[in-house]
Amino acid sequence: MSKTREMTAPLLEISHLSVMLKKRRDRLKAVDDLSFKVYPGEILGLVGESGAGKSMTGSAILGLIDPPLYISSGEIIFDGNRIDQNASSIRGSKISMIFQDPLVSLNPLRKIGDQLVEAIRTHINMSKAEAFDRAKTLLAEVGIDPRRINAYPHTFSGGMRQRVVIALALAPEPSLIIADEPTTALDVSVQAQILDLLKRLCRERGTSIILITHDMGVIAETTDRVAVLYAGRLAEIGETASVLNSPRHPYTKGLVAATPRIDADSYKKKLFQIPGAMPDLEQIPQGCAFHPRCDFANAQCKIQQPPLFEDRSACWLLKDGSEIS
């Protein structure tokens, strides 16, 4: 972590967060003792396979989990205030969310201008005329012609609808945006445009972003730091370039090796495939959750959950500072 960031107070601090799923006879951990920080103006990536706990973490931050899910332990501190017990006061105003499918966020029966004006006036004291002008400004900022403010969502392409959703997220001028797989349903060229837009907004507005994705390529192109999640636990965290160029945890190594590369010899090689699959919540193994899929697992890995060594990697093989070849 850069010295400048170390000297800055975090905007968001998650400490030992656990989210439980209550069943008739069992309590299953969807997020397990998770800790990380988000600093002002940075983009932090949360990456991992489906079921890793990425979206669950984002929902917990915003207080969007309902029974049978509940936060069983830990703290979420935002801008110096604890919000894990009551996030409603900052949801939408200080922290916004961009969902994977823009059609879920947009009302198909209302004009996009009306939806933007409502979002603005809900959180900012403005007249309807002022909010309408601000809505047009927001559309221009995300690359949509303001003259289309009276159009309906179905008249836009998927990429343009996602831009409208980003404008909705920006409407209350939040300090933090949680972007949950914002480019998954888009083609590659539109995906690049949306990611460039997020980076520009982060740079120009000083907004922090938590980018949730399963795509290591998106992580490489967009984020400042990355947290790798596995079975609801933190496997590795660090500066993006460091984690991708020198991954330490075996799971991170597998994700990086499974990412297509564009170089002279890459086409000659088969992509690496991590054996097995992410465990179901009812079948998370004892010890390190990744050990059944790990070629390096030893006896200790199978019985004892590793801590985060040197504040970066949770792997018993790294406890003395050694590397896994």
C-alpha atoms as a PDB file:
ATOM      1  CA  MET A   1       0.000   0.000   0.000  1.00  0.00           C
ATOM      2  CA  SER A   2       1.290   3.471  -0.876  1.00  0.00           C
ATOM      3  CA  LYS A   3       2.500   5.702   1.939  1.00  0.00           C
ATOM      4  CA  THR A   4       0.010   8.400   0.892  1.00  0.00           C
ATOM      5  CA  ARG A   5      -2.904   5.999   1.357  1.00  0.00           C
ATOM      6  CA  GLU A   6      -1.546   4.714   4.669  1.00  0.00           C
ATOM      7  CA  MET A   7      -1.613   8.285   5.996  1.00  0.00           C
ATOM      8  CA  THR A   8      -5.245   8.800   4.885  1.00  0.00           C
ATOM      9  CA  ALA A   9      -8.184   7.774   7.054  1.00  0.00           C
ATOM     10  CA  PRO A  10     -10.266   5.071   5.333  1.00  0.00           C
ATOM     11  CA  LEU A  11     -13.687   6.034   4.030  1.00  0.00           C
ATOM     12  CA  LEU A  12     -15.018   2.534   4.731  1.00  0.00           C
ATOM     13  CA  GLU A  13     -13.632   0.029   7.222  1.00  0.00           C
ATOM     14  CA  ILE A  14     -15.007  -3.483   7.541  1.00  0.00           C
ATOM     15  CA  SER A  15     -13.794  -5.400  10.596  1.00  0.00           C
ATOM     16  CA  HIS A  16     -14.400  -9.129  11.159  1.00  0.00           C
ATOM     17  CA  LEU A  17     -17.724  -9.096   9.299  1.00  0.00           C
ATOM     18  CA  SER A  18     -19.720 -12.333   9.279  1.00  0.00           C
ATOM     19  CA  VAL A  19     -23.084 -12.850   7.578  1.00  0.00           C
ATOM     20  CA  MET A  20     -25.107 -15.911   8.546  1.00  0.00           C
ATOM     21  CA  LEU A  21     -27.877 -17.770   6.764  1.00  0.00           C
ATOM     22  CA  LYS A  22     -30.396 -19.111   9.261  1.00  0.00           C
ATOM     23  CA  LYS A  23     -31.948 -22.456   8.396  1.00  0.00           C
ATOM     24  CA  ARG A  24     -34.291 -24.589  10.466  1.00  0.00           C
ATOM     25  CA  ARG A  25     -31.489 -26.426  12.251  1.00  0.00           C
ATOM     26  CA  ASP A  26     -28.291 -24.823  10.960  1.00  0.00           C
ATOM     27  CA  ARG A  27     -26.485 -21.493  10.788  1.00  0.00           C
ATOM     28  CA  LEU A  28     -24.410 -21.194   7.608  1.00  0.00           C
ATOM     29  CA  LYS A  29     -21.732 -18.546   7.071  1.00  0.00           C
ATOM     30  CA  ALA A  30     -22.132 -16.686   3.774  1.00  0.00           C
ATOM     31  CA  VAL A  31     -19.400 -14.172   4.762  1.00  0.00           C
ATOM     32  CA  ASP A  32     -16.779 -15.318   7.268  1.00  0.00           C
ATOM     33  CA  ASP A  33     -14.707 -12.905   9.394  1.00  0.00           C
ATOM     34  CA  LEU A  34     -14.052 -10.471   6.534  1.00  0.00           C
ATOM     35  CA  SER A  35     -11.919  -7.350   7.047  1.00  0.00           C
ATOM     36  CA  PHE A  36     -10.758  -4.704   4.574  1.00  0.00           C
ATOM     37  CA  LYS A  37     -10.654  -0.931   4.054  1.00  0.00           C
ATOM     38  CA  VAL A  38     -11.614   1.410   1.233  1.00  0.00           C
ATOM     39  CA  TYR A  39      -9.820   4.737   0.965  1.00  0.00           C
ATOM     40  CA  PRO A  40     -11.127   8.018  -0.517  1.00  0.00           C
ATOM     41  CA  GLY A  41     -10.848   8.152  -4.302  1.00  0.00           C
ATOM     42  CA  GLU A  42      -9.715   4.541  -4.817  1.00  0.00           C
ATOM     43  CA  ILE A  43     -11.228   1.646  -6.723  1.00  0.00           C
ATOM     44  CA  LEU A  44     -11.135  -1.606  -4.758  1.00  0.00           C
ATOM     45  CA  GLY A  45     -11.958  -4.811  -6.595  1.00  0.00           C
ATOM     46  CA  LEU A  46     -13.702  -7.797  -4.991  1.00  0.00           C
ATOM     47  CA  VAL A  47     -12.971 -10.842  -7.135  1.00  0.00           C
ATOM     48  CA  GLY A  48     -13.715 -14.549  -6.960  1.00  0.00           C
ATOM     49  CA  GLU A  49     -15.887 -17.264  -8.463  1.00  0.00           C
ATOM     50  CA  SER A  50     -19.663 -17.325  -8.090  1.00  0.00           C
ATOM     51  CA  GLY A  51     -20.501 -18.082  -4.462  1.00  0.00           C
ATOM     52  CA  ALA A  52     -17.378 -16.403  -3.085  1.00  0.00           C
ATOM     53  CA  GLY A  53     -19.440 -13.874  -1.101  1.00  0.00           C
ATOM     54  CA  LYS A  54     -18.755 -10.767  -3.229  1.00  0.00           C
ATOM     55  CA  SER A  55     -22.321  -9.576  -3.772  1.00  0.00           C
ATOM     56  CA  MET A  56     -23.285 -10.616  -0.247  1.00  0.00           C
ATOM     57  CA  THR A  57     -20.563  -8.310   1.096  1.00  0.00           C
ATOM     58  CA  GLY A  58     -21.867  -5.406  -0.986  1.00  0.00           C
ATOM     59  CA  SER A  59     -25.423  -6.032   0.177  1.00  0.00           C
ATOM     60  CA  ALA A  60     -24.291  -6.206   3.820  1.00  0.00           C
ATOM     61  CA  ILE A  61     -22.559  -2.818   3.524  1.00  0.00           C
ATOM     62  CA  LEU A  62     -25.790  -1.260   2.267  1.00  0.00           C
ATOM     63  CA  GLY A  63     -28.009  -3.109   4.724  1.00  0.00           C
ATOM     64  CA  LEU A  64     -29.812  -4.924   1.915  1.00  0.00           C
ATOM     65  CA  ILE A  65     -29.868  -8.358   3.520  1.00  0.00           C
ATOM     66  CA  ASP A  66     -33.095  -9.668   5.011  1.00  0.00           C
ATOM     67  CA  PRO A  67     -33.981 -12.762   7.055  1.00  0.00           C
ATOM     68  CA  PRO A  68     -33.013 -15.576   6.891  1.00  0.00           C
ATOM     69  CA  LEU A  69     -29.724 -13.676   6.307  1.00  0.00           C
ATOM     70  CA  TYR A  70     -28.315 -11.498   9.070  1.00  0.00           C
ATOM     71  CA  ILE A  71     -25.045  -9.918  10.222  1.00  0.00           C
ATOM     72  CA  SER A  72     -23.881 -12.087  13.110  1.00  0.00           C
ATOM     73  CA  SER A  73     -20.685 -10.235  14.063  1.00  0.00           C
ATOM     74  CA  GLY A  74     -18.270  -7.514  13.050  1.00  0.00           C
ATOM     75  CA  GLU A  75     -18.448  -3.802  12.326  1.00  0.00           C
ATOM     76  CA  ILE A  76     -18.916  -1.635   9.251  1.00  0.00           C
ATOM     77  CA  ILE A  77     -17.591   1.886   9.761  1.00  0.00           C
ATOM     78  CA  PHE A  78     -18.375   4.492   7.103  1.00  0.00           C
ATOM     79  CA  ASP A  79     -16.877   7.979   7.335  1.00  0.00           C
ATOM     80  CA  GLY A  80     -16.264   7.471  11.052  1.00  0.00           C
ATOM     81  CA  ASN A  81     -19.776   6.200  11.856  1.00  0.00           C
ATOM     82  CA  ARG A  82     -20.887   2.625  12.474  1.00  0.00           C
ATOM     83  CA  ILE A  83     -23.570   1.588   9.961  1.00  0.00           C
ATOM     84  CA  ASP A  84     -23.841  -2.202  10.206  1.00  0.00           C
ATOM     85  CA  GLN A  85     -26.936  -1.966  12.428  1.00  0.00           C
ATOM     86  CA  ASN A  86     -28.628   0.801  10.451  1.00  0.00           C
ATOM     87  CA  ALA A  87     -27.482   1.652   6.932  1.00  0.00           C
ATOM     88  CA  SER A  88     -30.779   3.220   5.821  1.00  0.00           C
ATOM     89  CA  SER A  89     -29.620   6.740   6.700  1.00  0.00           C
ATOM     90  CA  ILE A  90     -26.739   6.625   4.199  1.00  0.00           C
ATOM     91  CA  ARG A  91     -28.129   4.188   1.623  1.00  0.00           C
ATOM     92  CA  GLY A  92     -28.599   5.948  -1.704  1.00  0.00           C
ATOM     93  CA  SER A  93     -27.271   9.258  -0.428  1.00  0.00           C
ATOM     94  CA  LYS A  94     -23.729   8.544   0.795  1.00  0.00           C
ATOM     95  CA  ILE A  95     -23.397   5.043  -0.673  1.00  0.00           C
ATOM     96  CA  SER A  96     -24.973   4.112  -4.003  1.00  0.00           C
ATOM     97  CA  MET A  97     -25.135   0.799  -5.826  1.00  0.00           C
ATOM     98  CA  ILE A  98     -24.943  -0.124  -9.491  1.00  0.00           C
ATOM     99  CA  PHE A  99     -26.582  -3.493 -10.091  1.00  0.00           C
ATOM    100  CA  GLN A 100     -25.629  -6.043 -12.732  1.00  0.00           C
ATOM    101  CA  ASP A 101     -28.871  -5.773 -14.717  1.00  0.00           C
ATOM    102  CA  PRO A 102     -29.943  -2.170 -15.425  1.00  0.00           C
ATOM    103  CA  LEU A 103     -33.494  -3.296 -16.151  1.00  0.00           C
ATOM    104  CA  VAL A 104     -33.802  -4.248 -12.477  1.00  0.00           C
ATOM    105  CA  SER A 105     -32.927  -0.675 -11.456  1.00  0.00           C
ATOM    106  CA  LEU A 106     -35.014   1.160 -14.045  1.00  0.00           C
ATOM    107  CA  ASN A 107     -38.809   1.361 -14.102  1.00  0.00           C
ATOM    108  CA  PRO A 108     -39.803   0.483 -17.693  1.00  0.00           C
ATOM    109  CA  LEU A 109     -43.024   2.517 -17.405  1.00  0.00           C
ATOM    110  CA  ARG A 110     -41.351   5.825 -16.472  1.00  0.00           C
ATOM    111  CA  LYS A 111     -39.169   8.183 -18.460  1.00  0.00           C
ATOM    112  CA  ILE A 112     -35.516   8.176 -17.426  1.00  0.00           C
ATOM    113  CA  GLY A 113     -35.717  11.917 -16.669  1.00  0.00           C
ATOM    114  CA  ASP A 114     -38.522  11.375 -14.175  1.00  0.00           C
ATOM    115  CA  GLN A 115     -36.523   8.635 -12.448  1.00  0.00           C
ATOM    116  CA  LEU A 116     -33.422  10.827 -12.260  1.00  0.00           C
ATOM    117  CA  VAL A 117     -35.384  13.797 -10.914  1.00  0.00           C
ATOM    118  CA  GLU A 118     -36.962  11.593  -8.231  1.00  0.00           C
ATOM    119  CA  ALA A 119     -33.551  10.238  -7.184  1.00  0.00           C
ATOM    120  CA  ILE A 120     -32.091  13.751  -6.993  1.00  0.00           C
ATOM    121  CA  ARG A 121     -34.957  15.295  -5.026  1.00  0.00           C
ATOM    122  CA  THR A 122     -35.096  12.347  -2.604  1.00  0.00           C
ATOM    123  CA  HIS A 123     -31.600  13.134  -1.358  1.00  0.00           C
ATOM    124  CA  ILE A 124     -30.976  16.786  -2.279  1.00  0.00           C
ATOM    125  CA  ASN A 125     -33.161  19.790  -1.486  1.00  0.00           C
ATOM    126  CA  MET A 126     -33.908  21.053  -5.013  1.00  0.00           C
ATOM    127  CA  SER A 127     -36.883  22.338  -6.924  1.00  0.00           C
ATOM    128  CA  LYS A 128     -38.224  20.167  -9.723  1.00  0.00           C
ATOM    129  CA  ALA A 129     -36.806  22.536 -12.338  1.00  0.00           C
ATOM    130  CA  GLU A 130     -33.352  22.501 -10.719  1.00  0.00           C
ATOM    131  CA  ALA A 131     -33.420  18.717 -10.457  1.00  0.00           C
ATOM    132  CA  PHE A 132     -34.428  18.452 -14.121  1.00  0.00           C
ATOM    133  CA  ASP A 133     -31.438  20.594 -15.145  1.00  0.00           C
ATOM    134  CA  ARG A 134     -29.148  18.485 -12.960  1.00  0.00           C
ATOM    135  CA  ALA A 135     -30.562  15.307 -14.531  1.00  0.00           C
ATOM    136  CA  LYS A 136     -29.608  16.588 -17.985  1.00  0.00           C
ATOM    137  CA  THR A 137     -26.138  17.430 -16.725  1.00  0.00           C
ATOM    138  CA  LEU A 138     -25.744  13.921 -15.320  1.00  0.00           C
ATOM    139  CA  LEU A 139     -26.817  12.340 -18.609  1.00  0.00           C
ATOM    140  CA  ALA A 140     -24.231  14.413 -20.464  1.00  0.00           C
ATOM    141  CA  GLU A 141     -21.609  13.419 -17.908  1.00  0.00           C
ATOM    142  CA  VAL A 142     -22.171   9.716 -18.561  1.00  0.00           C
ATOM    143  CA  GLY A 143     -22.202  10.181 -22.337  1.00  0.00           C
ATOM    144  CA  ILE A 144     -25.916  10.311 -23.153  1.00  0.00           C
ATOM    145  CA  ASP A 145     -27.484  13.111 -25.191  1.00  0.00           C
ATOM    146  CA  PRO A 146     -29.515  15.201 -22.676  1.00  0.00           C
ATOM    147  CA  ARG A 147     -32.216  15.609 -25.321  1.00  0.00           C
ATOM    148  CA  ARG A 148     -33.164  11.988 -24.641  1.00  0.00           C
ATOM    149  CA  ILE A 149     -34.181  12.791 -21.083  1.00  0.00           C
ATOM    150  CA  ASN A 150     -37.840  12.053 -21.880  1.00  0.00           C
ATOM    151  CA  ALA A 151     -37.115   8.645 -23.422  1.00  0.00           C
ATOM    152  CA  TYR A 152     -38.147   5.335 -21.872  1.00  0.00           C
ATOM    153  CA  PRO A 153     -35.592   2.663 -20.838  1.00  0.00           C
ATOM    154  CA  HIS A 154     -36.606   0.215 -23.592  1.00  0.00           C
ATOM    155  CA  THR A 155     -35.455   2.706 -26.268  1.00  0.00           C
ATOM    156  CA  PHE A 156     -31.845   2.456 -25.056  1.00  0.00           C
ATOM    157  CA  SER A 157     -29.248  -0.217 -25.715  1.00  0.00           C
ATOM    158  CA  GLY A 158     -27.865  -2.293 -22.824  1.00  0.00           C
ATOM    159  CA  GLY A 159     -24.763  -0.113 -22.557  1.00  0.00           C
ATOM    160  CA  MET A 160     -26.793   3.097 -22.562  1.00  0.00           C
ATOM    161  CA  ARG A 161     -29.149   1.745 -19.891  1.00  0.00           C
ATOM    162  CA  GLN A 162     -26.129   0.976 -17.738  1.00  0.00           C
ATOM    163  CA  ARG A 163     -24.971   4.577 -18.235  1.00  0.00           C
ATOM    164  CA  VAL A 164     -28.386   5.763 -17.039  1.00  0.00           C
ATOM    165  CA  VAL A 165     -28.037   3.546 -13.943  1.00  0.00           C
ATOM    166  CA  ILE A 166     -24.604   5.082 -13.289  1.00  0.00           C
ATOM    167  CA  ALA A 167     -26.187   8.536 -13.577  1.00  0.00           C
ATOM    168  CA  LEU A 168     -28.810   7.429 -11.017  1.00  0.00           C
ATOM    169  CA  ALA A 169     -26.043   6.258  -8.689  1.00  0.00           C
ATOM    170  CA  LEU A 170     -24.268   9.620  -9.082  1.00  0.00           C
ATOM    171  CA  ALA A 171     -27.412  11.705  -8.584  1.00  0.00           C
ATOM    172  CA  PRO A 172     -27.086  12.181  -4.781  1.00  0.00           C
ATOM    173  CA  GLU A 173     -23.304  12.788  -5.053  1.00  0.00           C
ATOM    174  CA  PRO A 174     -22.284   9.713  -2.994  1.00  0.00           C
ATOM    175  CA  SER A 175     -18.844   9.211  -1.479  1.00  0.00           C
ATOM    176  CA  LEU A 176     -18.875   5.481  -2.314  1.00  0.00           C
ATOM    177  CA  ILE A 177     -20.350   3.483  -5.183  1.00  0.00           C
ATOM    178  CA  ILE A 178     -20.692  -0.301  -5.050  1.00  0.00           C
ATOM    179  CA  ALA A 179     -20.689  -1.610  -8.626  1.00  0.00           C
ATOM    180  CA  ASP A 180     -21.909  -5.221  -8.701  1.00  0.00           C
ATOM    181  CA  GLU A 181     -20.823  -6.850 -11.983  1.00  0.00           C
ATOM    182  CA  PRO A 182     -21.728  -3.666 -13.932  1.00  0.00           C
ATOM    183  CA  THR A 183     -20.392  -4.928 -17.279  1.00  0.00           C
ATOM    184  CA  THR A 184     -21.215  -8.652 -17.291  1.00  0.00           C
ATOM    185  CA  ALA A 185     -24.094  -8.422 -19.785  1.00  0.00           C
ATOM    186  CA  LEU A 186     -22.276  -6.036 -22.155  1.00  0.00           C
ATOM    187  CA  ASP A 187     -20.087  -6.720 -25.166  1.00  0.00           C
ATOM    188  CA  VAL A 188     -16.365  -6.065 -24.914  1.00  0.00           C
ATOM    189  CA  SER A 189     -16.302  -2.618 -26.531  1.00  0.00           C
ATOM    190  CA  VAL A 190     -19.197  -1.305 -24.418  1.00  0.00           C
ATOM    191  CA  GLN A 191     -17.651  -2.921 -21.332  1.00  0.00           C
ATOM    192  CA  ALA A 192     -14.462  -0.924 -21.910  1.00  0.00           C
ATOM    193  CA  GLN A 193     -16.472   2.297 -22.239  1.00  0.00           C
ATOM    194  CA  ILE A 194     -18.310   1.692 -18.948  1.00  0.00           C
ATOM    195  CA  LEU A 195     -15.089   0.875 -17.096  1.00  0.00           C
ATOM    196  CA  ASP A 196     -13.394   3.990 -18.505  1.00  0.00           C
ATOM    197  CA  LEU A 197     -16.414   6.003 -17.367  1.00  0.00           C
ATOM    198  CA  LEU A 198     -16.169   4.637 -13.821  1.00  0.00           C
ATOM    199  CA  LYS A 199     -12.445   5.393 -13.669  1.00  0.00           C
ATOM    200  CA  ARG A 200     -12.982   8.935 -14.955  1.00  0.00           C
ATOM    201  CA  LEU A 201     -15.746   9.623 -12.449  1.00  0.00           C
ATOM    202  CA  CYS A 202     -13.573   8.265  -9.655  1.00  0.00           C
ATOM    203  CA  ARG A 203     -10.702  10.508 -10.732  1.00  0.00           C
ATOM    204  CA  GLU A 204     -12.731  13.678 -11.329  1.00  0.00           C
ATOM    205  CA  ARG A 205     -15.167  13.426  -8.418  1.00  0.00           C
ATOM    206  CA  GLY A 206     -12.937  11.719  -5.856  1.00  0.00           C
ATOM    207  CA  THR A 207     -15.594   9.026  -5.479  1.00  0.00           C
ATOM    208  CA  SER A 208     -14.532   5.643  -4.089  1.00  0.00           C
ATOM    209  CA  ILE A 209     -15.721   2.499  -5.857  1.00  0.00           C
ATOM    210  CA  ILE A 210     -16.021  -1.131  -4.796  1.00  0.00           C
ATOM    211  CA  LEU A 211     -16.023  -3.085  -8.053  1.00  0.00           C
ATOM    212  CA  ILE A 212     -17.457  -6.595  -7.712  1.00  0.00           C
ATOM    213  CA  THR A 213     -16.486  -8.948 -10.539  1.00  0.00           C
ATOM    214  CA  HIS A 214     -15.305 -12.443 -11.430  1.00  0.00           C
ATOM    215  CA  ASP A 215     -13.172 -11.111 -14.300  1.00  0.00           C
ATOM    216  CA  MET A 216      -9.471 -10.705 -13.544  1.00  0.00           C
ATOM    217  CA  GLY A 217      -9.080  -8.723 -16.765  1.00  0.00           C
ATOM    218  CA  VAL A 218     -11.537  -6.116 -15.473  1.00  0.00           C
ATOM    219  CA  ILE A 219      -9.627  -6.049 -12.178  1.00  0.00           C
ATOM    220  CA  ALA A 220      -6.329  -5.467 -13.999  1.00  0.00           C
ATOM    221  CA  GLU A 221      -7.706  -2.613 -16.110  1.00  0.00           C
ATOM    222  CA  THR A 222      -9.733  -0.794 -13.488  1.00  0.00           C
ATOM    223  CA  THR A 223      -8.762  -1.224  -9.835  1.00  0.00           C
ATOM    224  CA  ASP A 224      -6.105   0.220  -7.524  1.00  0.00           C
ATOM    225  CA  ARG A 225      -6.286  -2.667  -5.036  1.00  0.00           C
ATOM    226  CA  VAL A 226      -7.934  -6.058  -5.146  1.00  0.00           C
ATOM    227  CA  ALA A 227      -9.378  -8.384  -2.501  1.00  0.00           C
ATOM    228  CA  VAL A 228      -9.674 -12.041  -3.526  1.00  0.00           C
ATOM    229  CA  LEU A 229     -12.572 -13.846  -1.815  1.00  0.00           C
ATOM    230  CA  TYR A 230     -13.122 -17.583  -1.482  1.00  0.00           C
ATOM    231  CA  ALA A 231     -16.102 -19.200   0.262  1.00  0.00           C
ATOM    232  CA  GLY A 232     -16.862 -15.940   2.067  1.00  0.00           C
ATOM    233  CA  ARG A 233     -13.293 -15.539   3.338  1.00  0.00           C
ATOM    234  CA  LEU A 234     -10.473 -13.218   2.334  1.00  0.00           C
ATOM    235  CA  ALA A 235      -7.763 -15.206   0.536  1.00  0.00           C
ATOM    236  CA  GLU A 236      -5.512 -12.334  -0.534  1.00  0.00           C
ATOM    237  CA  ILE A 237      -5.494  -8.539  -0.695  1.00  0.00           C
ATOM    238  CA  GLY A 238      -3.062  -5.963  -1.997  1.00  0.00           C
ATOM    239  CA  GLU A 239      -2.158  -3.467  -4.704  1.00  0.00           C
ATOM    240  CA  THR A 240      -3.587  -4.753  -7.979  1.00  0.00           C
ATOM    241  CA  ALA A 241      -0.284  -4.795  -9.884  1.00  0.00           C
ATOM    242  CA  SER A 242       1.435  -6.646  -7.050  1.00  0.00           C
ATOM    243  CA  VAL A 243      -1.296  -9.257  -6.653  1.00  0.00           C
ATOM    244  CA  LEU A 244      -1.593  -9.937 -10.388  1.00  0.00           C
ATOM    245  CA  ASN A 245       2.124  -9.953 -11.131  1.00  0.00           C
ATOM    246  CA  SER A 246       3.149 -11.878  -8.004  1.00  0.00           C
ATOM    247  CA  PRO A 247       0.092 -13.726  -6.649  1.00  0.00           C
ATOM    248  CA  ARG A 248       0.808 -15.528  -3.384  1.00  0.00           C
ATOM    249  CA  HIS A 249      -2.281 -17.544  -2.445  1.00  0.00           C
ATOM    250  CA  PRO A 250      -2.777 -20.723  -4.545  1.00  0.00           C
ATOM    251  CA  TYR A 251      -6.345 -19.630  -5.366  1.00  0.00           C
ATOM    252  CA  THR A 252      -5.160 -16.251  -6.632  1.00  0.00           C
ATOM    253  CA  LYS A 253      -2.465 -17.989  -8.671  1.00  0.00           C
ATOM    254  CA  GLY A 254      -5.167 -20.159 -10.223  1.00  0.00           C
ATOM    255  CA  LEU A 255      -7.388 -17.190 -11.097  1.00  0.00           C
ATOM    256  CA  VAL A 256      -4.473 -15.337 -12.709  1.00  0.00           C
ATOM    257  CA  ALA A 257      -3.352 -18.438 -14.645  1.00  0.00           C
ATOM    258  CA  ALA A 258      -6.926 -18.946 -15.906  1.00  0.00           C
ATOM    259  CA  THR A 259      -7.068 -15.426 -17.378  1.00  0.00           C
ATOM    260  CA  PRO A 260      -6.442 -15.197 -21.155  1.00  0.00           C
ATOM    261  CA  ARG A 261      -3.313 -13.227 -22.077  1.00  0.00           C
ATOM    262  CA  ILE A 262      -2.426 -11.374 -25.262  1.00  0.00           C
ATOM    263  CA  ASP A 263       1.189 -12.143 -26.028  1.00  0.00           C
ATOM    264  CA  ALA A 264       3.245 -13.957 -28.618  1.00  0.00           C
ATOM    265  CA  ASP A 265       3.152 -17.405 -27.013  1.00  0.00           C
ATOM    266  CA  SER A 266      -0.195 -17.424 -25.186  1.00  0.00           C
ATOM    267  CA  TYR A 267      -2.092 -19.036 -28.053  1.00  0.00           C
ATOM    268  CA  LYS A 268       0.169 -22.092 -27.810  1.00  0.00           C
ATOM    269  CA  LYS A 269      -0.819 -22.841 -24.235  1.00  0.00           C
ATOM    270  CA  LYS A 270      -4.030 -24.165 -22.747  1.00  0.00           C
ATOM    271  CA  LEU A 271      -5.605 -21.978 -20.075  1.00  0.00           C
ATOM    272  CA  PHE A 272      -5.205 -23.281 -16.555  1.00  0.00           C
ATOM    273  CA  GLN A 273      -8.334 -24.655 -14.888  1.00  0.00           C
ATOM    274  CA  ILE A 274      -8.696 -24.788 -11.116  1.00  0.00           C
ATOM    275  CA  PRO A 275      -9.935 -28.316 -10.295  1.00  0.00           C
ATOM    276  CA  GLY A 276     -13.279 -28.733  -8.548  1.00  0.00           C
ATOM    277  CA  ALA A 277     -15.789 -26.017  -7.734  1.00  0.00           C
ATOM    278  CA  MET A 278     -16.646 -23.476  -5.050  1.00  0.00           C
ATOM    279  CA  PRO A 279     -18.140 -25.378  -2.077  1.00  0.00           C
ATOM    280  CA  ASP A 280     -21.789 -25.027  -1.171  1.00  0.00           C
ATOM    281  CA  LEU A 281     -22.474 -23.173   2.103  1.00  0.00           C
ATOM    282  CA  GLU A 282     -23.556 -26.452   3.676  1.00  0.00           C
ATOM    283  CA  GLN A 283     -20.329 -28.180   2.670  1.00  0.00           C
ATOM    284  CA  ILE A 284     -17.534 -25.696   3.410  1.00  0.00           C
ATOM    285  CA  PRO A 285     -14.624 -27.880   4.561  1.00  0.00           C
ATOM    286  CA  GLN A 286     -12.805 -27.552   7.864  1.00  0.00           C
ATOM    287  CA  GLY A 287      -9.562 -25.594   7.876  1.00  0.00           C
ATOM    288  CA  CYS A 288      -8.699 -23.678   4.728  1.00  0.00           C
ATOM    289  CA  ALA A 289     -11.807 -23.801   2.551  1.00  0.00           C
ATOM    290  CA  PHE A 290      -9.664 -24.054  -0.587  1.00  0.00           C
ATOM    291  CA  HIS A 291      -7.634 -27.089   0.502  1.00  0.00           C
ATOM    292  CA  PRO A 292      -9.670 -29.752  -1.422  1.00  0.00           C
ATOM    293  CA  ARG A 293      -8.785 -27.926  -4.663  1.00  0.00           C
ATOM    294  CA  CYS A 294      -5.197 -27.030  -3.744  1.00  0.00           C
ATOM    295  CA  ASP A 295      -2.170 -28.980  -5.003  1.00  0.00           C
ATOM    296  CA  PHE A 296      -0.055 -27.666  -2.108  1.00  0.00           C
ATOM    297  CA  ALA A 297      -2.356 -28.430   0.852  1.00  0.00           C
ATOM    298  CA  ASN A 298      -0.801 -30.098   3.892  1.00  0.00           C
ATOM    299  CA  ALA A 299      -2.206 -31.562   7.103  1.00  0.00           C
ATOM    300  CA  GLN A 300      -2.503 -28.188   8.830  1.00  0.00           C
ATOM    301  CA  CYS A 301      -4.481 -26.755   5.895  1.00  0.00           C
ATOM    302  CA  LYS A 302      -7.115 -29.446   6.425  1.00  0.00           C
ATOM    303  CA  ILE A 303      -7.781 -28.782  10.093  1.00  0.00           C
ATOM    304  CA  GLN A 304      -7.010 -25.123  10.875  1.00  0.00           C
ATOM    305  CA  GLN A 305      -8.218 -21.957   9.143  1.00  0.00           C
ATOM    306  CA  PRO A 306      -5.236 -19.711   8.309  1.00  0.00           C
ATOM    307  CA  PRO A 307      -5.088 -16.032   9.314  1.00  0.00           C
ATOM    308  CA  LEU A 308      -4.054 -13.260   6.934  1.00  0.00           C
ATOM    309  CA  PHE A 309      -0.244 -13.331   7.046  1.00  0.00           C
ATOM    310  CA  GLU A 310       1.591 -10.008   6.656  1.00  0.00           C
ATOM    311  CA  ASP A 311      -1.848  -8.462   5.975  1.00  0.00           C
ATOM    312  CA  ARG A 312      -1.891  -9.977   2.502  1.00  0.00           C
ATOM    313  CA  SER A 313      -2.421 -13.732   2.083  1.00  0.00           C
ATOM    314  CA  ALA A 314      -4.308 -16.353   4.114  1.00  0.00           C
ATOM    315  CA  CYS A 315      -2.282 -19.488   3.467  1.00  0.00           C
ATOM    316  CA  TRP A 316      -0.345 -21.658   5.924  1.00  0.00           C
ATOM    317  CA  LEU A 317       2.376 -22.199   3.332  1.00  0.00           C
ATOM    318  CA  LEU A 318       3.147 -18.474   3.435  1.00  0.00           C
ATOM    319  CA  LYS A 319       3.346 -18.051   7.198  1.00  0.00           C
ATOM    320  CA  ASP A 320       7.138 -17.716   7.211  1.00  0.00           C
ATOM    321  CA  GLY A 321       7.249 -15.328   4.251  1.00  0.00           C
ATOM    322  CA  SER A 322       8.080 -18.036   1.721  1.00  0.00           C
ATOM    323  CA  GLU A 323       6.651 -18.219  -1.807  1.00  0.00           C
ATOM    324  CA  ILE A 324       4.691 -20.981  -3.544  1.00  0.00           C
ATOM    325  CA  SER A 325       6.264 -21.911  -6.851  1.00  0.00           C
END
